Amino acid sequence: MSKTVIHELKLRIWKQPAKKRPEYMSNLETAAQMEAGPEQDAAFSAIAKSLDRADALGVRRAKRKEAELKAAEDKMRQEMGF
């Protein structure tokens, strides 16, 4: 089971910004070296939760950026009289 979990986490890590990847990969390698059991499961779970938070933050940032762009476009249209 841990191989599939590790693979899924690696895929999620590679979707993160390059700046954060080494930290996540280091945590994943540390968790993978633990003995199989509840401690390793807890470590994988903690990494997954961290990635969930990072994904949610990325979505919020994208929505905020999109809203700022739309507001700027609306302002420009208003100024130009469209």
N, C-alpha and C. Protein backbone atom coordinates (compact mmCIF):
# COMPACT_ATOMS: atom_id res chain seq x y z
N MET A 1 0.82 -1.19 0.00
CA MET A 1 0.00 0.00 0.00
C MET A 1 0.86 1.25 0.00
N SER A 2 1.96 1.24 0.68
CA SER A 2 2.75 2.46 0.81
C SER A 2 3.31 2.92 -0.54
N LYS A 3 3.56 1.98 -1.46
CA LYS A 3 4.08 2.39 -2.77
C LYS A 3 3.05 3.22 -3.53
N THR A 4 1.79 2.82 -3.47
CA THR A 4 0.76 3.61 -4.15
C THR A 4 0.56 4.96 -3.46
N VAL A 5 0.62 4.97 -2.14
CA VAL A 5 0.49 6.22 -1.40
C VAL A 5 1.64 7.15 -1.75
N ILE A 6 2.84 6.62 -1.77
CA ILE A 6 4.03 7.42 -2.11
C ILE A 6 3.90 7.97 -3.53
N HIS A 7 3.46 7.14 -4.46
CA HIS A 7 3.31 7.58 -5.85
C HIS A 7 2.28 8.71 -5.96
N GLU A 8 1.14 8.54 -5.29
CA GLU A 8 0.10 9.57 -5.33
C GLU A 8 0.60 10.88 -4.72
N LEU A 9 1.32 10.78 -3.61
CA LEU A 9 1.85 11.98 -2.98
C LEU A 9 2.89 12.66 -3.87
N LYS A 10 3.73 11.86 -4.54
CA LYS A 10 4.73 12.45 -5.45
C LYS A 10 4.05 13.21 -6.58
N LEU A 11 2.98 12.66 -7.12
CA LEU A 11 2.25 13.35 -8.18
C LEU A 11 1.69 14.68 -7.69
N ARG A 12 1.16 14.66 -6.47
CA ARG A 12 0.61 15.90 -5.91
C ARG A 12 1.72 16.90 -5.61
N ILE A 13 2.87 16.41 -5.17
CA ILE A 13 3.99 17.30 -4.87
C ILE A 13 4.47 18.00 -6.13
N TRP A 14 4.53 17.28 -7.26
CA TRP A 14 5.03 17.88 -8.49
C TRP A 14 4.09 18.94 -9.04
N LYS A 15 2.86 18.99 -8.54
CA LYS A 15 1.92 20.04 -8.96
C LYS A 15 2.11 21.31 -8.13
N GLN A 16 2.91 21.23 -7.09
CA GLN A 16 3.17 22.38 -6.23
C GLN A 16 4.24 23.28 -6.84
N PRO A 17 4.32 24.52 -6.36
CA PRO A 17 5.38 25.42 -6.86
C PRO A 17 6.77 24.83 -6.59
N ALA A 18 7.69 25.10 -7.50
CA ALA A 18 9.04 24.53 -7.41
C ALA A 18 9.73 24.89 -6.10
N LYS A 19 9.41 26.02 -5.55
CA LYS A 19 10.05 26.47 -4.32
C LYS A 19 9.74 25.55 -3.13
N LYS A 20 8.54 24.96 -3.11
CA LYS A 20 8.12 24.13 -1.99
C LYS A 20 8.40 22.63 -2.19
N ARG A 21 8.68 22.23 -3.42
CA ARG A 21 8.86 20.80 -3.70
C ARG A 21 9.94 20.13 -2.86
N PRO A 22 11.14 20.72 -2.71
CA PRO A 22 12.18 20.03 -1.93
C PRO A 22 11.74 19.73 -0.49
N GLU A 23 11.02 20.65 0.11
CA GLU A 23 10.54 20.44 1.48
C GLU A 23 9.58 19.26 1.54
N TYR A 24 8.62 19.23 0.62
CA TYR A 24 7.66 18.13 0.59
C TYR A 24 8.35 16.79 0.28
N MET A 25 9.28 16.80 -0.67
CA MET A 25 9.99 15.56 -1.02
C MET A 25 10.83 15.06 0.15
N SER A 26 11.45 15.97 0.88
CA SER A 26 12.23 15.58 2.05
C SER A 26 11.34 14.92 3.10
N ASN A 27 10.17 15.52 3.34
CA ASN A 27 9.23 14.94 4.29
C ASN A 27 8.75 13.57 3.82
N LEU A 28 8.52 13.43 2.53
CA LEU A 28 8.07 12.16 1.98
C LEU A 28 9.15 11.09 2.11
N GLU A 29 10.40 11.44 1.83
CA GLU A 29 11.50 10.48 1.97
C GLU A 29 11.67 10.04 3.42
N THR A 30 11.53 10.98 4.34
CA THR A 30 11.64 10.65 5.76
C THR A 30 10.53 9.69 6.16
N ALA A 31 9.31 9.96 5.71
CA ALA A 31 8.18 9.09 6.04
C ALA A 31 8.35 7.71 5.40
N ALA A 32 8.88 7.66 4.19
CA ALA A 32 9.05 6.38 3.50
C ALA A 32 10.09 5.50 4.19
N GLN A 33 11.06 6.11 4.87
CA GLN A 33 12.10 5.35 5.54
C GLN A 33 11.66 4.81 6.90
N MET A 34 10.53 5.28 7.40
CA MET A 34 10.02 4.78 8.68
C MET A 34 9.54 3.34 8.50
N GLU A 35 9.46 2.64 9.62
CA GLU A 35 8.90 1.29 9.58
C GLU A 35 7.41 1.39 9.31
N ALA A 36 6.90 0.43 8.54
CA ALA A 36 5.48 0.42 8.24
C ALA A 36 4.70 0.28 9.54
N GLY A 37 3.67 1.06 9.65
CA GLY A 37 2.85 1.03 10.85
C GLY A 37 2.13 2.35 11.05
N PRO A 38 1.59 2.53 12.25
CA PRO A 38 0.80 3.73 12.50
C PRO A 38 1.59 5.04 12.40
N GLU A 39 2.87 5.01 12.78
CA GLU A 39 3.67 6.23 12.69
C GLU A 39 3.87 6.64 11.24
N GLN A 40 4.15 5.67 10.38
CA GLN A 40 4.34 5.97 8.97
C GLN A 40 3.03 6.46 8.35
N ASP A 41 1.92 5.82 8.72
CA ASP A 41 0.62 6.25 8.21
C ASP A 41 0.31 7.68 8.63
N ALA A 42 0.64 8.01 9.88
CA ALA A 42 0.42 9.37 10.38
C ALA A 42 1.29 10.37 9.62
N ALA A 43 2.52 9.98 9.30
CA ALA A 43 3.41 10.87 8.56
C ALA A 43 2.87 11.11 7.15
N PHE A 44 2.42 10.06 6.47
CA PHE A 44 1.84 10.22 5.14
C PHE A 44 0.58 11.08 5.21
N SER A 45 -0.21 10.87 6.24
CA SER A 45 -1.43 11.65 6.41
C SER A 45 -1.11 13.13 6.62
N ALA A 46 -0.08 13.41 7.40
CA ALA A 46 0.33 14.80 7.64
C ALA A 46 0.79 15.47 6.35
N ILE A 47 1.52 14.73 5.53
CA ILE A 47 1.96 15.27 4.24
C ILE A 47 0.75 15.55 3.35
N ALA A 48 -0.19 14.63 3.32
CA ALA A 48 -1.40 14.81 2.50
C ALA A 48 -2.19 16.03 2.96
N LYS A 49 -2.31 16.22 4.27
CA LYS A 49 -3.03 17.39 4.79
C LYS A 49 -2.31 18.67 4.41
N SER A 50 -1.00 18.66 4.48
CA SER A 50 -0.22 19.82 4.09
C SER A 50 -0.43 20.15 2.62
N LEU A 51 -0.46 19.13 1.78
CA LEU A 51 -0.71 19.34 0.35
C LEU A 51 -2.14 19.83 0.11
N ASP A 52 -3.10 19.34 0.91
CA ASP A 52 -4.47 19.83 0.79
C ASP A 52 -4.54 21.32 1.07
N ARG A 53 -3.86 21.75 2.13
CA ARG A 53 -3.84 23.18 2.47
C ARG A 53 -3.19 23.99 1.36
N ALA A 54 -2.10 23.48 0.82
CA ALA A 54 -1.40 24.19 -0.26
C ALA A 54 -2.28 24.28 -1.51
N ASP A 55 -3.00 23.21 -1.82
CA ASP A 55 -3.90 23.23 -2.97
C ASP A 55 -5.01 24.26 -2.77
N ALA A 56 -5.59 24.28 -1.57
CA ALA A 56 -6.66 25.23 -1.28
C ALA A 56 -6.16 26.67 -1.38
N LEU A 57 -4.96 26.90 -0.89
CA LEU A 57 -4.38 28.23 -0.97
C LEU A 57 -4.14 28.63 -2.42
N GLY A 58 -3.67 27.70 -3.22
CA GLY A 58 -3.45 27.97 -4.64
C GLY A 58 -4.74 28.32 -5.36
N VAL A 59 -5.82 27.64 -5.02
CA VAL A 59 -7.12 27.92 -5.64
C VAL A 59 -7.59 29.32 -5.24
N ARG A 60 -7.43 29.65 -3.95
CA ARG A 60 -7.84 30.98 -3.50
C ARG A 60 -7.04 32.07 -4.19
N ARG A 61 -5.74 31.85 -4.33
CA ARG A 61 -4.89 32.85 -5.01
C ARG A 61 -5.31 33.03 -6.47
N ALA A 62 -5.61 31.92 -7.13
CA ALA A 62 -6.03 32.00 -8.54
C ALA A 62 -7.35 32.76 -8.67
N LYS A 63 -8.29 32.49 -7.77
CA LYS A 63 -9.57 33.19 -7.82
C LYS A 63 -9.39 34.69 -7.56
N ARG A 64 -8.53 35.02 -6.59
CA ARG A 64 -8.28 36.42 -6.28
C ARG A 64 -7.63 37.12 -7.47
N LYS A 65 -6.67 36.46 -8.10
CA LYS A 65 -5.99 37.05 -9.26
C LYS A 65 -6.98 37.26 -10.40
N GLU A 66 -7.86 36.30 -10.60
CA GLU A 66 -8.88 36.41 -11.65
C GLU A 66 -9.83 37.57 -11.36
N ALA A 67 -10.22 37.73 -10.10
CA ALA A 67 -11.11 38.82 -9.72
C ALA A 67 -10.42 40.18 -9.91
N GLU A 68 -9.13 40.26 -9.58
CA GLU A 68 -8.39 41.50 -9.78
C GLU A 68 -8.30 41.85 -11.27
N LEU A 69 -8.06 40.85 -12.09
CA LEU A 69 -7.98 41.07 -13.53
C LEU A 69 -9.32 41.54 -14.09
N LYS A 70 -10.40 40.92 -13.64
CA LYS A 70 -11.73 41.31 -14.10
C LYS A 70 -12.04 42.73 -13.67
N ALA A 71 -11.69 43.09 -12.44
CA ALA A 71 -11.93 44.45 -11.96
C ALA A 71 -11.14 45.46 -12.78
N ALA A 72 -9.90 45.14 -13.12
CA ALA A 72 -9.09 46.04 -13.94
C ALA A 72 -9.68 46.18 -15.34
N GLU A 73 -10.16 45.09 -15.91
CA GLU A 73 -10.79 45.15 -17.23
C GLU A 73 -12.06 46.00 -17.19
N ASP A 74 -12.87 45.80 -16.16
CA ASP A 74 -14.10 46.58 -16.02
C ASP A 74 -13.80 48.07 -15.87
N LYS A 75 -12.79 48.39 -15.09
CA LYS A 75 -12.39 49.79 -14.89
C LYS A 75 -11.93 50.40 -16.20
N MET A 76 -11.14 49.65 -16.96
CA MET A 76 -10.64 50.15 -18.24
C MET A 76 -11.80 50.36 -19.22
N ARG A 77 -12.75 49.44 -19.26
CA ARG A 77 -13.92 49.59 -20.13
C ARG A 77 -14.72 50.83 -19.75
N GLN A 78 -14.87 51.02 -18.44
CA GLN A 78 -15.63 52.16 -17.96
C GLN A 78 -14.95 53.47 -18.34
N GLU A 79 -13.63 53.51 -18.20
CA GLU A 79 -12.88 54.71 -18.55
C GLU A 79 -12.93 55.00 -20.04
N MET A 80 -12.98 53.95 -20.85
CA MET A 80 -13.00 54.12 -22.31
C MET A 80 -14.41 54.36 -22.83
N GLY A 81 -15.41 54.18 -21.98
CA GLY A 81 -16.79 54.44 -22.37
C GLY A 81 -17.49 53.28 -23.05
N PHE A 82 -17.04 52.07 -22.84
CA PHE A 82 -17.71 50.91 -23.44
C PHE A 82 -18.81 50.41 -22.57
